[in-house]
Amino acid sequence: MKHLLGIRHLSPQEIEEFYLLADRFYEVLQQPTRKVAALTGTTVGLLFFESSTRTRLSFELAAKRLGADVLNFSATGSSLAKGETLLDTALNILAMGVDALVIRDEGVGTPHFLARKVSVPIINAGDGTNEHPTQALLDTYTLRRHFGTLQGVRLLIVGDLFHSRVALSHLHIASKVGVSLSLCAPPSLVPASWYGLGLPIYHRLDQAVKQADALLVLRMQKERQKQPSLASWQEYVRYYQVRPQHLRPGQVLLHPGPINWGVELHPTLQAYEHKLILQQVTHGVAIRMAVLYALLRGR
């Protein structure tokens, strides 16, 4: 495997290898030094053409924990504003001696395009409404560490399915790792083609949560919605906001962030004892260490 462009390209065995590597690096992260010199002498370029906090910082931290140098690129204030193409930008950065590129862009397919043009590993950190593979890996890794297995774990994804690259990556990973997936959203936020996938799709939250072991709650992605998908925000909050009364004892709550408290999640859930949102962030560093190591050092 040379690139990580999406979950759809991974085999169950490759996903399992990422989990096992993440276990090793998670143990490293618990040590006082929290470093391993596995990628010393390499440089990882972070090309983020779209805003990010958790993904960018965790990739940066993952690279540094492995001993790599990091080159950060931000589209704001770059030569892109002067007419330079994205490909020229990437090629110039590679000419500085970069060994791998982590790409996030609002356009679908940007990492796939660059993977055909460059000789170094490309990691997709989110491309438009397509995929976000490391997020699906870290979400399922969090469930694996919590439940001890993924086989038969019933995961419900709630929220803006139509514009979510996280949801699409979970669509691809669920059957490969044994997760039983179901979905819940307003009809206008479910891609029409998804109704033919054979997955349970609910339009009422109170019905959807009954059979779930874990909830992955998504935010409303206003920046990607080209036209209003709902009559009002109040409508969404009324019918699809996850509240304490929706959760039974032991149900796990996840969210890929950023969270809009008071919209998709009721503010009182900040104190929910089975909320694993910060654990997702911690596990994200371990998973991204695993991905960087696998692509730059092989098996």
C-alpha atoms as a PDB file:
ATOM      1  CA  MET A   1       0.000   0.000   0.000  1.00  0.00           C
ATOM      2  CA  LYS A   2       1.522   3.272  -1.127  1.00  0.00           C
ATOM      3  CA  HIS A   3      -1.246   5.781  -0.320  1.00  0.00           C
ATOM      4  CA  LEU A   4      -4.203   6.079   2.040  1.00  0.00           C
ATOM      5  CA  LEU A   5      -6.881   7.664  -0.136  1.00  0.00           C
ATOM      6  CA  GLY A   6      -9.991   6.082   1.334  1.00  0.00           C
ATOM      7  CA  ILE A   7     -11.383   3.187   3.339  1.00  0.00           C
ATOM      8  CA  ARG A   8     -12.866   1.672   0.188  1.00  0.00           C
ATOM      9  CA  HIS A   9      -9.324   0.832  -0.980  1.00  0.00           C
ATOM     10  CA  LEU A  10      -8.373  -1.040   2.223  1.00  0.00           C
ATOM     11  CA  SER A  11      -8.703  -4.748   2.894  1.00  0.00           C
ATOM     12  CA  PRO A  12      -9.851  -6.043   6.307  1.00  0.00           C
ATOM     13  CA  GLN A  13      -6.288  -7.285   6.867  1.00  0.00           C
ATOM     14  CA  GLU A  14      -4.807  -3.826   6.238  1.00  0.00           C
ATOM     15  CA  ILE A  15      -7.298  -2.258   8.639  1.00  0.00           C
ATOM     16  CA  GLU A  16      -6.362  -4.831  11.266  1.00  0.00           C
ATOM     17  CA  GLU A  17      -2.689  -3.954  10.776  1.00  0.00           C
ATOM     18  CA  PHE A  18      -3.479  -0.299  11.436  1.00  0.00           C
ATOM     19  CA  TYR A  19      -5.274  -1.271  14.674  1.00  0.00           C
ATOM     20  CA  LEU A  20      -2.346  -3.411  15.837  1.00  0.00           C
ATOM     21  CA  LEU A  21       0.165  -0.679  15.057  1.00  0.00           C
ATOM     22  CA  ALA A  22      -2.059   1.835  16.867  1.00  0.00           C
ATOM     23  CA  ASP A  23      -2.044  -0.438  19.930  1.00  0.00           C
ATOM     24  CA  ARG A  24       1.751  -0.309  19.959  1.00  0.00           C
ATOM     25  CA  PHE A  25       1.885   3.446  19.498  1.00  0.00           C
ATOM     26  CA  TYR A  26      -0.864   4.009  22.067  1.00  0.00           C
ATOM     27  CA  GLU A  27       1.416   2.326  24.617  1.00  0.00           C
ATOM     28  CA  VAL A  28       4.240   4.645  23.515  1.00  0.00           C
ATOM     29  CA  LEU A  29       1.982   7.639  24.121  1.00  0.00           C
ATOM     30  CA  GLN A  30       1.477   6.519  27.729  1.00  0.00           C
ATOM     31  CA  GLN A  31       5.222   6.671  28.433  1.00  0.00           C
ATOM     32  CA  PRO A  32       6.917   9.772  29.929  1.00  0.00           C
ATOM     33  CA  THR A  33       8.929  10.553  26.777  1.00  0.00           C
ATOM     34  CA  ARG A  34       6.015   9.673  24.432  1.00  0.00           C
ATOM     35  CA  LYS A  35       8.342   9.338  21.440  1.00  0.00           C
ATOM     36  CA  VAL A  36       9.831   6.651  19.218  1.00  0.00           C
ATOM     37  CA  ALA A  37      12.500   7.365  16.608  1.00  0.00           C
ATOM     38  CA  ALA A  38      10.815   5.336  13.866  1.00  0.00           C
ATOM     39  CA  LEU A  39      10.678   8.130  11.273  1.00  0.00           C
ATOM     40  CA  THR A  40      13.789  10.107  12.181  1.00  0.00           C
ATOM     41  CA  GLY A  41      15.227  11.704   9.049  1.00  0.00           C
ATOM     42  CA  THR A  42      11.898  11.953   7.225  1.00  0.00           C
ATOM     43  CA  THR A  43       9.723  15.013   6.647  1.00  0.00           C
ATOM     44  CA  VAL A  44       5.909  15.033   6.516  1.00  0.00           C
ATOM     45  CA  GLY A  45       4.161  17.870   4.706  1.00  0.00           C
ATOM     46  CA  LEU A  46       0.721  18.936   5.908  1.00  0.00           C
ATOM     47  CA  LEU A  47      -1.177  20.574   3.028  1.00  0.00           C
ATOM     48  CA  PHE A  48      -4.466  21.834   4.433  1.00  0.00           C
ATOM     49  CA  PHE A  49      -6.494  23.816   1.934  1.00  0.00           C
ATOM     50  CA  GLU A  50      -9.497  23.675   4.283  1.00  0.00           C
ATOM     51  CA  SER A  51      -9.861  24.617   7.942  1.00  0.00           C
ATOM     52  CA  SER A  52      -9.036  21.959  10.543  1.00  0.00           C
ATOM     53  CA  THR A  53      -8.058  21.695  14.193  1.00  0.00           C
ATOM     54  CA  ARG A  54      -8.080  18.087  15.429  1.00  0.00           C
ATOM     55  CA  THR A  55      -6.980  16.419  12.180  1.00  0.00           C
ATOM     56  CA  ARG A  56      -4.137  18.814  11.412  1.00  0.00           C
ATOM     57  CA  LEU A  57      -2.795  18.951  14.956  1.00  0.00           C
ATOM     58  CA  SER A  58      -3.024  15.198  15.511  1.00  0.00           C
ATOM     59  CA  PHE A  59      -1.175  14.468  12.254  1.00  0.00           C
ATOM     60  CA  GLU A  60       1.480  16.987  13.256  1.00  0.00           C
ATOM     61  CA  LEU A  61       1.798  15.478  16.715  1.00  0.00           C
ATOM     62  CA  ALA A  62       1.800  11.929  15.314  1.00  0.00           C
ATOM     63  CA  ALA A  63       4.679  12.770  12.957  1.00  0.00           C
ATOM     64  CA  LYS A  64       6.684  14.431  15.710  1.00  0.00           C
ATOM     65  CA  ARG A  65       6.074  11.550  18.138  1.00  0.00           C
ATOM     66  CA  LEU A  66       7.609   9.295  15.474  1.00  0.00           C
ATOM     67  CA  GLY A  67      10.651  11.541  15.154  1.00  0.00           C
ATOM     68  CA  ALA A  68       9.769  13.090  11.778  1.00  0.00           C
ATOM     69  CA  ASP A  69      10.074  16.748  10.863  1.00  0.00           C
ATOM     70  CA  VAL A  70       6.861  18.529   9.889  1.00  0.00           C
ATOM     71  CA  LEU A  71       6.298  21.143   7.202  1.00  0.00           C
ATOM     72  CA  ASN A  72       3.013  22.997   7.690  1.00  0.00           C
ATOM     73  CA  PHE A  73       1.255  24.626   4.747  1.00  0.00           C
ATOM     74  CA  SER A  74      -1.767  26.905   4.940  1.00  0.00           C
ATOM     75  CA  ALA A  75      -3.583  28.113   1.839  1.00  0.00           C
ATOM     76  CA  THR A  76      -4.183  31.484   3.483  1.00  0.00           C
ATOM     77  CA  GLY A  77      -1.435  33.883   2.415  1.00  0.00           C
ATOM     78  CA  SER A  78       0.160  31.359   0.029  1.00  0.00           C
ATOM     79  CA  SER A  79       1.017  31.659  -3.657  1.00  0.00           C
ATOM     80  CA  LEU A  80      -2.338  30.084  -4.490  1.00  0.00           C
ATOM     81  CA  ALA A  81      -3.725  33.597  -4.101  1.00  0.00           C
ATOM     82  CA  LYS A  82      -1.350  34.684  -6.888  1.00  0.00           C
ATOM     83  CA  GLY A  83      -2.593  32.081  -9.334  1.00  0.00           C
ATOM     84  CA  GLU A  84      -0.316  29.130  -8.587  1.00  0.00           C
ATOM     85  CA  THR A  85      -2.024  25.775  -9.145  1.00  0.00           C
ATOM     86  CA  LEU A  86      -2.485  23.241  -6.382  1.00  0.00           C
ATOM     87  CA  LEU A  87      -0.270  20.789  -8.274  1.00  0.00           C
ATOM     88  CA  ASP A  88       2.541  23.357  -8.628  1.00  0.00           C
ATOM     89  CA  THR A  89       2.273  24.072  -4.913  1.00  0.00           C
ATOM     90  CA  ALA A  90       2.597  20.374  -4.078  1.00  0.00           C
ATOM     91  CA  LEU A  91       5.502  19.847  -6.482  1.00  0.00           C
ATOM     92  CA  ASN A  92       7.414  22.810  -5.060  1.00  0.00           C
ATOM     93  CA  ILE A  93       6.924  21.521  -1.529  1.00  0.00           C
ATOM     94  CA  LEU A  94       8.152  18.076  -2.580  1.00  0.00           C
ATOM     95  CA  ALA A  95      11.222  19.697  -4.139  1.00  0.00           C
ATOM     96  CA  MET A  96      12.176  20.850  -0.638  1.00  0.00           C
ATOM     97  CA  GLY A  97      12.681  17.225   0.400  1.00  0.00           C
ATOM     98  CA  VAL A  98       9.303  16.139   1.787  1.00  0.00           C
ATOM     99  CA  ASP A  99       8.710  12.378   2.092  1.00  0.00           C
ATOM    100  CA  ALA A 100       4.898  12.242   2.489  1.00  0.00           C
ATOM    101  CA  LEU A 101       1.946  14.592   2.043  1.00  0.00           C
ATOM    102  CA  VAL A 102      -1.191  14.790   4.167  1.00  0.00           C
ATOM    103  CA  ILE A 103      -3.908  16.524   2.136  1.00  0.00           C
ATOM    104  CA  ARG A 104      -7.193  18.153   3.139  1.00  0.00           C
ATOM    105  CA  ASP A 105      -9.243  20.009   0.549  1.00  0.00           C
ATOM    106  CA  GLU A 106     -12.852  21.065   0.034  1.00  0.00           C
ATOM    107  CA  GLY A 107     -12.768  19.536  -3.448  1.00  0.00           C
ATOM    108  CA  VAL A 108     -13.656  15.881  -3.965  1.00  0.00           C
ATOM    109  CA  GLY A 109     -10.771  13.839  -5.365  1.00  0.00           C
ATOM    110  CA  THR A 110      -7.841  16.173  -4.678  1.00  0.00           C
ATOM    111  CA  PRO A 111      -5.714  13.523  -2.877  1.00  0.00           C
ATOM    112  CA  HIS A 112      -6.485  11.014  -5.659  1.00  0.00           C
ATOM    113  CA  PHE A 113      -5.364  13.553  -8.276  1.00  0.00           C
ATOM    114  CA  LEU A 114      -2.086  14.259  -6.489  1.00  0.00           C
ATOM    115  CA  ALA A 115      -1.440  10.548  -5.927  1.00  0.00           C
ATOM    116  CA  ARG A 116      -1.283  10.144  -9.731  1.00  0.00           C
ATOM    117  CA  LYS A 117       1.183  13.027 -10.078  1.00  0.00           C
ATOM    118  CA  VAL A 118       3.735  12.557  -7.281  1.00  0.00           C
ATOM    119  CA  SER A 119       6.032   9.776  -6.122  1.00  0.00           C
ATOM    120  CA  VAL A 120       5.594  10.096  -2.343  1.00  0.00           C
ATOM    121  CA  PRO A 121       2.801   8.639  -0.156  1.00  0.00           C
ATOM    122  CA  ILE A 122      -0.422  10.683  -0.096  1.00  0.00           C
ATOM    123  CA  ILE A 123      -2.755  10.542   2.918  1.00  0.00           C
ATOM    124  CA  ASN A 124      -6.306  11.783   2.540  1.00  0.00           C
ATOM    125  CA  ALA A 125      -7.209  13.956   5.539  1.00  0.00           C
ATOM    126  CA  GLY A 126     -10.643  14.721   4.072  1.00  0.00           C
ATOM    127  CA  ASP A 127     -11.669  15.588   0.529  1.00  0.00           C
ATOM    128  CA  GLY A 128     -14.957  17.454   0.238  1.00  0.00           C
ATOM    129  CA  THR A 129     -17.955  15.201   0.805  1.00  0.00           C
ATOM    130  CA  ASN A 130     -16.047  12.090  -0.254  1.00  0.00           C
ATOM    131  CA  GLU A 131     -14.005  10.374   2.468  1.00  0.00           C
ATOM    132  CA  HIS A 132     -12.134  10.934   5.722  1.00  0.00           C
ATOM    133  CA  PRO A 133     -10.415   7.559   6.205  1.00  0.00           C
ATOM    134  CA  THR A 134      -8.382   8.223   9.346  1.00  0.00           C
ATOM    135  CA  GLN A 135     -11.503   9.486  11.134  1.00  0.00           C
ATOM    136  CA  ALA A 136     -13.334   6.215  10.453  1.00  0.00           C
ATOM    137  CA  LEU A 137     -10.235   4.303  11.566  1.00  0.00           C
ATOM    138  CA  LEU A 138      -9.948   6.195  14.847  1.00  0.00           C
ATOM    139  CA  ASP A 139     -13.696   5.985  15.532  1.00  0.00           C
ATOM    140  CA  THR A 140     -13.750   2.216  15.101  1.00  0.00           C
ATOM    141  CA  TYR A 141     -10.471   1.901  17.005  1.00  0.00           C
ATOM    142  CA  THR A 142     -12.101   3.765  19.908  1.00  0.00           C
ATOM    143  CA  LEU A 143     -15.045   1.337  19.837  1.00  0.00           C
ATOM    144  CA  ARG A 144     -12.640  -1.612  19.648  1.00  0.00           C
ATOM    145  CA  ARG A 145     -10.734  -0.483  22.727  1.00  0.00           C
ATOM    146  CA  HIS A 146     -13.990   0.180  24.613  1.00  0.00           C
ATOM    147  CA  PHE A 147     -15.863  -3.039  23.759  1.00  0.00           C
ATOM    148  CA  GLY A 148     -12.832  -5.294  23.246  1.00  0.00           C
ATOM    149  CA  THR A 149     -14.069  -6.243  19.782  1.00  0.00           C
ATOM    150  CA  LEU A 150     -15.867  -4.755  16.788  1.00  0.00           C
ATOM    151  CA  GLN A 151     -17.715  -7.912  15.785  1.00  0.00           C
ATOM    152  CA  GLY A 152     -21.423  -7.307  16.232  1.00  0.00           C
ATOM    153  CA  VAL A 153     -21.078  -3.822  17.719  1.00  0.00           C
ATOM    154  CA  ARG A 154     -24.197  -1.872  16.690  1.00  0.00           C
ATOM    155  CA  LEU A 155     -23.280   1.660  15.627  1.00  0.00           C
ATOM    156  CA  LEU A 156     -25.881   4.310  14.829  1.00  0.00           C
ATOM    157  CA  ILE A 157     -24.788   7.405  12.879  1.00  0.00           C
ATOM    158  CA  VAL A 158     -27.061  10.407  13.463  1.00  0.00           C
ATOM    159  CA  GLY A 159     -27.001  13.723  11.611  1.00  0.00           C
ATOM    160  CA  ASP A 160     -26.093  15.273   8.287  1.00  0.00           C
ATOM    161  CA  LEU A 161     -25.386  12.151   6.228  1.00  0.00           C
ATOM    162  CA  PHE A 162     -25.669  13.875   2.859  1.00  0.00           C
ATOM    163  CA  HIS A 163     -22.637  16.141   3.300  1.00  0.00           C
ATOM    164  CA  SER A 164     -20.545  13.970   5.634  1.00  0.00           C
ATOM    165  CA  ARG A 165     -17.284  12.389   4.481  1.00  0.00           C
ATOM    166  CA  VAL A 166     -17.070  10.710   7.891  1.00  0.00           C
ATOM    167  CA  ALA A 167     -20.360   8.879   7.267  1.00  0.00           C
ATOM    168  CA  LEU A 168     -19.199   7.697   3.841  1.00  0.00           C
ATOM    169  CA  SER A 169     -15.963   6.288   5.253  1.00  0.00           C
ATOM    170  CA  HIS A 170     -17.975   4.460   7.929  1.00  0.00           C
ATOM    171  CA  LEU A 171     -20.181   3.053   5.207  1.00  0.00           C
ATOM    172  CA  HIS A 172     -17.079   1.443   3.720  1.00  0.00           C
ATOM    173  CA  ILE A 173     -15.439   0.296   6.951  1.00  0.00           C
ATOM    174  CA  ALA A 174     -18.407  -1.247   8.794  1.00  0.00           C
ATOM    175  CA  SER A 175     -18.680  -4.517   6.873  1.00  0.00           C
ATOM    176  CA  LYS A 176     -14.885  -4.907   6.790  1.00  0.00           C
ATOM    177  CA  VAL A 177     -14.541  -4.864  10.584  1.00  0.00           C
ATOM    178  CA  GLY A 178     -17.816  -6.498  11.633  1.00  0.00           C
ATOM    179  CA  VAL A 179     -19.734  -3.421  12.786  1.00  0.00           C
ATOM    180  CA  SER A 180     -23.524  -3.472  12.392  1.00  0.00           C
ATOM    181  CA  LEU A 181     -24.335  -0.016  11.010  1.00  0.00           C
ATOM    182  CA  SER A 182     -27.611   1.920  11.037  1.00  0.00           C
ATOM    183  CA  LEU A 183     -28.379   5.520  10.091  1.00  0.00           C
ATOM    184  CA  CYS A 184     -30.709   8.281  11.253  1.00  0.00           C
ATOM    185  CA  ALA A 185     -31.339  11.654   9.587  1.00  0.00           C
ATOM    186  CA  PRO A 186     -34.080  13.819   8.100  1.00  0.00           C
ATOM    187  CA  PRO A 187     -35.117  12.490   4.671  1.00  0.00           C
ATOM    188  CA  SER A 188     -33.558  15.532   2.972  1.00  0.00           C
ATOM    189  CA  LEU A 189     -30.157  14.692   4.482  1.00  0.00           C
ATOM    190  CA  VAL A 190     -29.944  11.079   3.304  1.00  0.00           C
ATOM    191  CA  PRO A 191     -28.376  10.434  -0.146  1.00  0.00           C
ATOM    192  CA  ALA A 192     -31.023   8.723  -2.288  1.00  0.00           C
ATOM    193  CA  SER A 193     -28.632   5.943  -3.320  1.00  0.00           C
ATOM    194  CA  TRP A 194     -28.116   4.895   0.303  1.00  0.00           C
ATOM    195  CA  TYR A 195     -31.630   3.476   0.538  1.00  0.00           C
ATOM    196  CA  GLY A 196     -30.510   0.653  -1.730  1.00  0.00           C
ATOM    197  CA  LEU A 197     -27.586  -0.429   0.464  1.00  0.00           C
ATOM    198  CA  GLY A 198     -29.632  -2.669   2.742  1.00  0.00           C
ATOM    199  CA  LEU A 199     -28.845  -0.653   5.889  1.00  0.00           C
ATOM    200  CA  PRO A 200     -31.515   0.345   8.422  1.00  0.00           C
ATOM    201  CA  ILE A 201     -32.301   4.039   7.842  1.00  0.00           C
ATOM    202  CA  TYR A 202     -34.474   5.823  10.403  1.00  0.00           C
ATOM    203  CA  HIS A 203     -36.151   9.201  10.305  1.00  0.00           C
ATOM    204  CA  ARG A 204     -37.178   9.131  13.967  1.00  0.00           C
ATOM    205  CA  LEU A 205     -34.417   9.357  16.560  1.00  0.00           C
ATOM    206  CA  ASP A 206     -36.389   7.699  19.385  1.00  0.00           C
ATOM    207  CA  GLN A 207     -36.789   4.561  17.245  1.00  0.00           C
ATOM    208  CA  ALA A 208     -33.228   4.565  15.917  1.00  0.00           C
ATOM    209  CA  VAL A 209     -31.451   4.599  19.289  1.00  0.00           C
ATOM    210  CA  LYS A 210     -33.209   1.563  20.750  1.00  0.00           C
ATOM    211  CA  GLN A 211     -30.995  -1.102  19.170  1.00  0.00           C
ATOM    212  CA  ALA A 212     -27.660   0.782  19.183  1.00  0.00           C
ATOM    213  CA  ASP A 213     -24.633   0.077  21.364  1.00  0.00           C
ATOM    214  CA  ALA A 214     -22.966   3.338  20.287  1.00  0.00           C
ATOM    215  CA  LEU A 215     -24.008   6.624  18.688  1.00  0.00           C
ATOM    216  CA  LEU A 216     -21.779   8.599  16.344  1.00  0.00           C
ATOM    217  CA  VAL A 217     -23.359  12.047  16.131  1.00  0.00           C
ATOM    218  CA  LEU A 218     -22.549  14.358  13.217  1.00  0.00           C
ATOM    219  CA  ARG A 219     -22.910  18.113  13.030  1.00  0.00           C
ATOM    220  CA  MET A 220     -24.926  20.009  10.461  1.00  0.00           C
ATOM    221  CA  GLN A 221     -22.353  20.983   7.829  1.00  0.00           C
ATOM    222  CA  LYS A 222     -23.559  24.431   6.841  1.00  0.00           C
ATOM    223  CA  GLU A 223     -20.405  25.215   4.832  1.00  0.00           C
ATOM    224  CA  ARG A 224     -21.174  22.371   2.384  1.00  0.00           C
ATOM    225  CA  GLN A 225     -24.917  22.870   2.054  1.00  0.00           C
ATOM    226  CA  LYS A 226     -25.601  24.642  -1.231  1.00  0.00           C
ATOM    227  CA  GLN A 227     -29.271  25.133  -0.390  1.00  0.00           C
ATOM    228  CA  PRO A 228     -31.355  24.843   2.786  1.00  0.00           C
ATOM    229  CA  SER A 229     -31.918  21.172   3.637  1.00  0.00           C
ATOM    230  CA  LEU A 230     -34.389  21.857   6.432  1.00  0.00           C
ATOM    231  CA  ALA A 231     -37.196  24.277   7.129  1.00  0.00           C
ATOM    232  CA  SER A 232     -35.259  25.613  10.139  1.00  0.00           C
ATOM    233  CA  TRP A 233     -32.543  24.810  12.664  1.00  0.00           C
ATOM    234  CA  GLN A 234     -35.242  24.661  15.320  1.00  0.00           C
ATOM    235  CA  GLU A 235     -36.854  21.825  13.368  1.00  0.00           C
ATOM    236  CA  TYR A 236     -33.628  19.823  13.427  1.00  0.00           C
ATOM    237  CA  VAL A 237     -33.046  20.460  17.131  1.00  0.00           C
ATOM    238  CA  ARG A 238     -36.591  19.435  17.975  1.00  0.00           C
ATOM    239  CA  TYR A 239     -36.526  16.091  16.177  1.00  0.00           C
ATOM    240  CA  TYR A 240     -32.877  15.038  15.904  1.00  0.00           C
ATOM    241  CA  GLN A 241     -30.939  16.525  18.802  1.00  0.00           C
ATOM    242  CA  VAL A 242     -29.562  13.724  21.002  1.00  0.00           C
ATOM    243  CA  ARG A 243     -30.690  14.273  24.597  1.00  0.00           C
ATOM    244  CA  PRO A 244     -30.092  12.367  27.848  1.00  0.00           C
ATOM    245  CA  GLN A 245     -33.500  10.683  27.610  1.00  0.00           C
ATOM    246  CA  HIS A 246     -32.492   9.094  24.312  1.00  0.00           C
ATOM    247  CA  LEU A 247     -29.595   7.195  25.889  1.00  0.00           C
ATOM    248  CA  ARG A 248     -29.917   4.025  27.919  1.00  0.00           C
ATOM    249  CA  PRO A 249     -27.270   2.973  30.492  1.00  0.00           C
ATOM    250  CA  GLY A 250     -24.041   1.878  28.851  1.00  0.00           C
ATOM    251  CA  GLN A 251     -24.662   3.382  25.423  1.00  0.00           C
ATOM    252  CA  VAL A 252     -21.507   4.995  24.084  1.00  0.00           C
ATOM    253  CA  LEU A 253     -21.502   8.503  22.603  1.00  0.00           C
ATOM    254  CA  LEU A 254     -19.008   9.615  19.934  1.00  0.00           C
ATOM    255  CA  HIS A 255     -18.613  12.749  17.824  1.00  0.00           C
ATOM    256  CA  PRO A 256     -15.898  13.532  15.234  1.00  0.00           C
ATOM    257  CA  GLY A 257     -15.972  17.253  16.091  1.00  0.00           C
ATOM    258  CA  PRO A 258     -16.331  20.129  16.017  1.00  0.00           C
ATOM    259  CA  ILE A 259     -19.413  19.941  18.235  1.00  0.00           C
ATOM    260  CA  ASN A 260     -22.261  22.420  18.083  1.00  0.00           C
ATOM    261  CA  TRP A 261     -23.601  22.040  21.603  1.00  0.00           C
ATOM    262  CA  GLY A 262     -27.277  22.842  21.704  1.00  0.00           C
ATOM    263  CA  VAL A 263     -27.801  21.699  18.105  1.00  0.00           C
ATOM    264  CA  GLU A 264     -26.898  18.031  17.524  1.00  0.00           C
ATOM    265  CA  LEU A 265     -26.067  17.370  21.190  1.00  0.00           C
ATOM    266  CA  HIS A 266     -27.899  18.657  24.254  1.00  0.00           C
ATOM    267  CA  PRO A 267     -25.479  20.645  26.473  1.00  0.00           C
ATOM    268  CA  THR A 268     -26.129  18.423  29.508  1.00  0.00           C
ATOM    269  CA  LEU A 269     -24.431  15.547  27.678  1.00  0.00           C
ATOM    270  CA  GLN A 270     -21.092  17.225  28.335  1.00  0.00           C
ATOM    271  CA  ALA A 271     -21.242  15.353  31.648  1.00  0.00           C
ATOM    272  CA  TYR A 272     -22.391  12.019  30.174  1.00  0.00           C
ATOM    273  CA  GLU A 273     -20.248   9.256  31.699  1.00  0.00           C
ATOM    274  CA  HIS A 274     -20.058   7.131  28.552  1.00  0.00           C
ATOM    275  CA  LYS A 275     -18.987   9.985  26.281  1.00  0.00           C
ATOM    276  CA  LEU A 276     -15.819   8.905  24.412  1.00  0.00           C
ATOM    277  CA  ILE A 277     -15.242  12.087  22.426  1.00  0.00           C
ATOM    278  CA  LEU A 278     -11.914  13.024  24.023  1.00  0.00           C
ATOM    279  CA  GLN A 279     -10.776   9.399  23.804  1.00  0.00           C
ATOM    280  CA  GLN A 280     -11.374   9.653  20.055  1.00  0.00           C
ATOM    281  CA  VAL A 281      -8.933  12.552  19.933  1.00  0.00           C
ATOM    282  CA  THR A 282      -6.304  10.620  21.904  1.00  0.00           C
ATOM    283  CA  HIS A 283      -6.751   7.525  19.765  1.00  0.00           C
ATOM    284  CA  GLY A 284      -6.534   9.709  16.672  1.00  0.00           C
ATOM    285  CA  VAL A 285      -2.882  10.408  17.396  1.00  0.00           C
ATOM    286  CA  ALA A 286      -2.141   6.674  17.722  1.00  0.00           C
ATOM    287  CA  ILE A 287      -4.020   5.822  14.508  1.00  0.00           C
ATOM    288  CA  ARG A 288      -2.254   8.564  12.562  1.00  0.00           C
ATOM    289  CA  MET A 289       1.089   7.394  13.913  1.00  0.00           C
ATOM    290  CA  ALA A 290       0.170   3.945  12.601  1.00  0.00           C
ATOM    291  CA  VAL A 291      -0.755   5.312   9.166  1.00  0.00           C
ATOM    292  CA  LEU A 292       2.427   7.399   8.824  1.00  0.00           C
ATOM    293  CA  TYR A 293       4.600   4.498   9.975  1.00  0.00           C
ATOM    294  CA  ALA A 294       2.917   2.003   7.645  1.00  0.00           C
ATOM    295  CA  LEU A 295       3.277   4.228   4.578  1.00  0.00           C
ATOM    296  CA  LEU A 296       6.801   5.494   5.273  1.00  0.00           C
ATOM    297  CA  ARG A 297       8.389   2.386   6.772  1.00  0.00           C
ATOM    298  CA  GLY A 298       6.207  -0.404   5.393  1.00  0.00           C
ATOM    299  CA  ARG A 299       5.295  -3.546   7.276  1.00  0.00           C
END
